[in-house]
Amino acid sequence: MAVRIVRLGDPSATDAPFRFKKGDRVAWRRWDGKPDLEFSGIVIDGHCEYVLGGGAYRDGYVIERADGLHFAGGHFDLMRV
């Protein structure tokens, strides 16, 4: 089985298990499970490594804050707000 790597929004990414999509509002998940609103913003890009047909996968995202700064996080680091 081959590992596939796709970017968020690519036409070939229809079967990728992305948790978030472009435009989703997310925040960094704090240690206590609450959102860290200082590190919150809009998903602007991402990638996903996965095996077609299921199994473990890894996805990561680039988030743009309201002040224009960017930060990155994976699906375990982020939560919808």
N, C-alpha and C. Protein backbone atom coordinates (compact mmCIF):
# COMPACT_ATOMS: atom_id res chain seq x y z
N MET A 1 0.84 -1.19 0.00
CA MET A 1 0.00 0.00 0.00
C MET A 1 0.88 1.24 0.00
N ALA A 2 0.54 2.14 -0.87
CA ALA A 2 1.33 3.35 -1.00
C ALA A 2 0.75 4.47 -0.16
N VAL A 3 1.63 5.23 0.42
CA VAL A 3 1.22 6.41 1.19
C VAL A 3 0.96 7.54 0.21
N ARG A 4 -0.16 8.20 0.39
CA ARG A 4 -0.50 9.36 -0.44
C ARG A 4 -0.32 10.62 0.39
N ILE A 5 0.16 11.66 -0.24
CA ILE A 5 0.29 12.97 0.39
C ILE A 5 -0.42 13.97 -0.50
N VAL A 6 -1.41 14.65 0.05
CA VAL A 6 -2.18 15.64 -0.71
C VAL A 6 -2.31 16.92 0.09
N ARG A 7 -2.53 18.00 -0.64
CA ARG A 7 -2.76 19.30 -0.01
C ARG A 7 -4.24 19.57 0.10
N LEU A 8 -4.61 20.31 1.09
CA LEU A 8 -5.99 20.71 1.31
C LEU A 8 -6.48 21.51 0.10
N GLY A 9 -7.60 21.11 -0.45
CA GLY A 9 -8.15 21.81 -1.60
C GLY A 9 -7.76 21.23 -2.94
N ASP A 10 -6.79 20.30 -2.98
CA ASP A 10 -6.43 19.65 -4.24
C ASP A 10 -7.61 18.83 -4.75
N PRO A 11 -7.85 18.83 -6.06
CA PRO A 11 -8.93 18.02 -6.61
C PRO A 11 -8.75 16.52 -6.30
N SER A 12 -7.52 16.06 -6.15
CA SER A 12 -7.27 14.65 -5.87
C SER A 12 -7.41 14.30 -4.39
N ALA A 13 -7.80 15.27 -3.56
CA ALA A 13 -7.88 15.06 -2.12
C ALA A 13 -9.27 14.66 -1.65
N THR A 14 -10.12 14.21 -2.54
CA THR A 14 -11.51 13.92 -2.17
C THR A 14 -11.63 12.77 -1.17
N ASP A 15 -10.70 11.84 -1.17
CA ASP A 15 -10.78 10.70 -0.24
C ASP A 15 -9.85 10.85 0.96
N ALA A 16 -9.16 11.98 1.08
CA ALA A 16 -8.24 12.21 2.20
C ALA A 16 -9.04 12.53 3.47
N PRO A 17 -8.61 11.99 4.61
CA PRO A 17 -9.36 12.19 5.86
C PRO A 17 -9.03 13.50 6.58
N PHE A 18 -9.19 14.62 5.90
CA PHE A 18 -8.96 15.92 6.54
C PHE A 18 -10.03 16.14 7.61
N ARG A 19 -9.62 16.61 8.77
CA ARG A 19 -10.57 16.95 9.83
C ARG A 19 -11.14 18.35 9.63
N PHE A 20 -10.33 19.26 9.09
CA PHE A 20 -10.75 20.64 8.86
C PHE A 20 -10.65 20.96 7.38
N LYS A 21 -11.36 22.02 6.97
CA LYS A 21 -11.28 22.48 5.59
C LYS A 21 -10.93 23.96 5.57
N LYS A 22 -10.54 24.47 4.41
CA LYS A 22 -10.20 25.88 4.29
C LYS A 22 -11.39 26.72 4.74
N GLY A 23 -11.09 27.74 5.53
CA GLY A 23 -12.12 28.64 6.02
C GLY A 23 -12.67 28.28 7.39
N ASP A 24 -12.38 27.06 7.89
CA ASP A 24 -12.83 26.69 9.23
C ASP A 24 -12.14 27.57 10.28
N ARG A 25 -12.89 27.96 11.28
CA ARG A 25 -12.32 28.74 12.39
C ARG A 25 -11.90 27.75 13.47
N VAL A 26 -10.61 27.78 13.82
CA VAL A 26 -10.06 26.84 14.79
C VAL A 26 -9.20 27.58 15.81
N ALA A 27 -8.89 26.88 16.90
CA ALA A 27 -8.00 27.42 17.93
C ALA A 27 -7.11 26.30 18.42
N TRP A 28 -5.96 26.69 18.96
CA TRP A 28 -5.04 25.74 19.58
C TRP A 28 -5.73 25.16 20.81
N ARG A 29 -5.65 23.85 20.99
CA ARG A 29 -6.26 23.20 22.15
C ARG A 29 -5.28 23.28 23.33
N ARG A 30 -5.73 23.91 24.42
CA ARG A 30 -4.89 24.02 25.61
C ARG A 30 -4.82 22.68 26.34
N TRP A 31 -3.94 22.58 27.33
CA TRP A 31 -3.75 21.35 28.11
C TRP A 31 -5.02 20.92 28.82
N ASP A 32 -5.90 21.89 29.14
CA ASP A 32 -7.14 21.56 29.85
C ASP A 32 -8.32 21.31 28.90
N GLY A 33 -8.06 21.27 27.59
CA GLY A 33 -9.09 20.97 26.61
C GLY A 33 -9.87 22.18 26.12
N LYS A 34 -9.57 23.35 26.65
CA LYS A 34 -10.26 24.57 26.24
C LYS A 34 -9.49 25.24 25.10
N PRO A 35 -10.19 26.04 24.27
CA PRO A 35 -9.49 26.72 23.17
C PRO A 35 -8.63 27.87 23.67
N ASP A 36 -7.46 28.02 23.08
CA ASP A 36 -6.58 29.15 23.36
C ASP A 36 -6.90 30.22 22.33
N LEU A 37 -7.71 31.18 22.69
CA LEU A 37 -8.21 32.17 21.74
C LEU A 37 -7.12 33.10 21.23
N GLU A 38 -5.98 33.19 21.93
CA GLU A 38 -4.86 33.97 21.42
C GLU A 38 -4.28 33.31 20.16
N PHE A 39 -4.35 31.98 20.12
CA PHE A 39 -3.90 31.22 18.95
C PHE A 39 -5.12 30.61 18.28
N SER A 40 -5.90 31.48 17.66
CA SER A 40 -7.08 31.04 16.91
C SER A 40 -7.09 31.79 15.59
N GLY A 41 -7.80 31.25 14.63
CA GLY A 41 -7.89 31.89 13.33
C GLY A 41 -8.57 30.99 12.32
N ILE A 42 -8.27 31.25 11.05
CA ILE A 42 -8.90 30.58 9.92
C ILE A 42 -7.90 29.63 9.25
N VAL A 43 -8.33 28.42 8.94
CA VAL A 43 -7.48 27.47 8.21
C VAL A 43 -7.28 28.00 6.79
N ILE A 44 -6.00 28.15 6.39
CA ILE A 44 -5.72 28.64 5.03
C ILE A 44 -5.02 27.59 4.17
N ASP A 45 -4.44 26.56 4.78
CA ASP A 45 -3.75 25.53 4.01
C ASP A 45 -3.59 24.29 4.88
N GLY A 46 -3.23 23.19 4.26
CA GLY A 46 -3.02 21.96 5.00
C GLY A 46 -2.51 20.85 4.11
N HIS A 47 -2.13 19.75 4.73
CA HIS A 47 -1.69 18.56 4.00
C HIS A 47 -2.12 17.33 4.79
N CYS A 48 -2.16 16.20 4.10
CA CYS A 48 -2.55 14.95 4.75
C CYS A 48 -1.74 13.81 4.15
N GLU A 49 -1.17 12.97 5.02
CA GLU A 49 -0.49 11.73 4.62
C GLU A 49 -1.39 10.59 5.05
N TYR A 50 -1.74 9.70 4.13
CA TYR A 50 -2.64 8.61 4.47
C TYR A 50 -2.47 7.46 3.50
N VAL A 51 -3.03 6.33 3.86
CA VAL A 51 -3.07 5.17 2.99
C VAL A 51 -4.50 5.02 2.51
N LEU A 52 -4.68 4.92 1.21
CA LEU A 52 -6.01 4.76 0.64
C LEU A 52 -6.66 3.50 1.19
N GLY A 53 -7.86 3.62 1.68
CA GLY A 53 -8.57 2.47 2.22
C GLY A 53 -8.60 2.42 3.73
N GLY A 54 -8.00 3.38 4.40
CA GLY A 54 -8.10 3.45 5.86
C GLY A 54 -6.79 3.30 6.57
N GLY A 55 -6.89 3.30 7.88
CA GLY A 55 -5.69 3.20 8.70
C GLY A 55 -5.30 4.53 9.29
N ALA A 56 -4.11 4.56 9.83
CA ALA A 56 -3.61 5.77 10.46
C ALA A 56 -3.33 6.84 9.41
N TYR A 57 -3.45 8.08 9.81
CA TYR A 57 -3.14 9.19 8.93
C TYR A 57 -2.57 10.34 9.75
N ARG A 58 -1.95 11.28 9.06
CA ARG A 58 -1.40 12.47 9.72
C ARG A 58 -1.78 13.68 8.88
N ASP A 59 -2.40 14.66 9.51
CA ASP A 59 -2.73 15.88 8.80
C ASP A 59 -2.24 17.08 9.58
N GLY A 60 -1.90 18.12 8.87
CA GLY A 60 -1.42 19.35 9.48
C GLY A 60 -2.00 20.55 8.75
N TYR A 61 -2.10 21.65 9.46
CA TYR A 61 -2.78 22.83 8.94
C TYR A 61 -1.98 24.09 9.22
N VAL A 62 -2.19 25.09 8.37
CA VAL A 62 -1.66 26.44 8.58
C VAL A 62 -2.86 27.33 8.88
N ILE A 63 -2.76 28.05 9.99
CA ILE A 63 -3.86 28.91 10.45
C ILE A 63 -3.40 30.35 10.43
N GLU A 64 -4.27 31.23 9.95
CA GLU A 64 -3.96 32.67 9.94
C GLU A 64 -4.78 33.35 11.02
N ARG A 65 -4.06 34.02 11.94
CA ARG A 65 -4.72 34.77 13.01
C ARG A 65 -5.29 36.07 12.45
N ALA A 66 -6.11 36.74 13.24
CA ALA A 66 -6.72 38.01 12.83
C ALA A 66 -5.67 39.09 12.55
N ASP A 67 -4.49 39.00 13.23
CA ASP A 67 -3.44 40.00 13.02
C ASP A 67 -2.53 39.66 11.84
N GLY A 68 -2.87 38.60 11.09
CA GLY A 68 -2.10 38.23 9.91
C GLY A 68 -0.97 37.25 10.15
N LEU A 69 -0.64 36.97 11.40
CA LEU A 69 0.40 35.98 11.69
C LEU A 69 -0.13 34.58 11.46
N HIS A 70 0.78 33.65 11.14
CA HIS A 70 0.42 32.27 10.88
C HIS A 70 1.00 31.36 11.94
N PHE A 71 0.30 30.26 12.22
CA PHE A 71 0.85 29.19 13.05
C PHE A 71 0.35 27.87 12.50
N ALA A 72 1.01 26.80 12.90
CA ALA A 72 0.68 25.47 12.37
C ALA A 72 0.23 24.55 13.49
N GLY A 73 -0.51 23.53 13.11
CA GLY A 73 -0.94 22.54 14.08
C GLY A 73 -1.55 21.34 13.39
N GLY A 74 -1.52 20.21 14.07
CA GLY A 74 -2.15 19.00 13.58
C GLY A 74 -3.54 18.85 14.16
N HIS A 75 -4.24 17.81 13.74
CA HIS A 75 -5.64 17.69 14.19
C HIS A 75 -5.76 17.42 15.68
N PHE A 76 -4.73 16.88 16.33
CA PHE A 76 -4.79 16.70 17.78
C PHE A 76 -4.54 18.00 18.53
N ASP A 77 -3.90 18.98 17.86
CA ASP A 77 -3.56 20.26 18.48
C ASP A 77 -4.67 21.29 18.37
N LEU A 78 -5.59 21.10 17.43
CA LEU A 78 -6.58 22.12 17.09
C LEU A 78 -7.99 21.67 17.40
N MET A 79 -8.87 22.67 17.57
CA MET A 79 -10.30 22.40 17.78
C MET A 79 -11.11 23.50 17.11
N ARG A 80 -12.31 23.16 16.68
CA ARG A 80 -13.20 24.17 16.09
C ARG A 80 -13.68 25.14 17.17
N VAL A 81 -13.81 26.41 16.77
CA VAL A 81 -14.38 27.42 17.67
C VAL A 81 -15.48 28.17 16.95
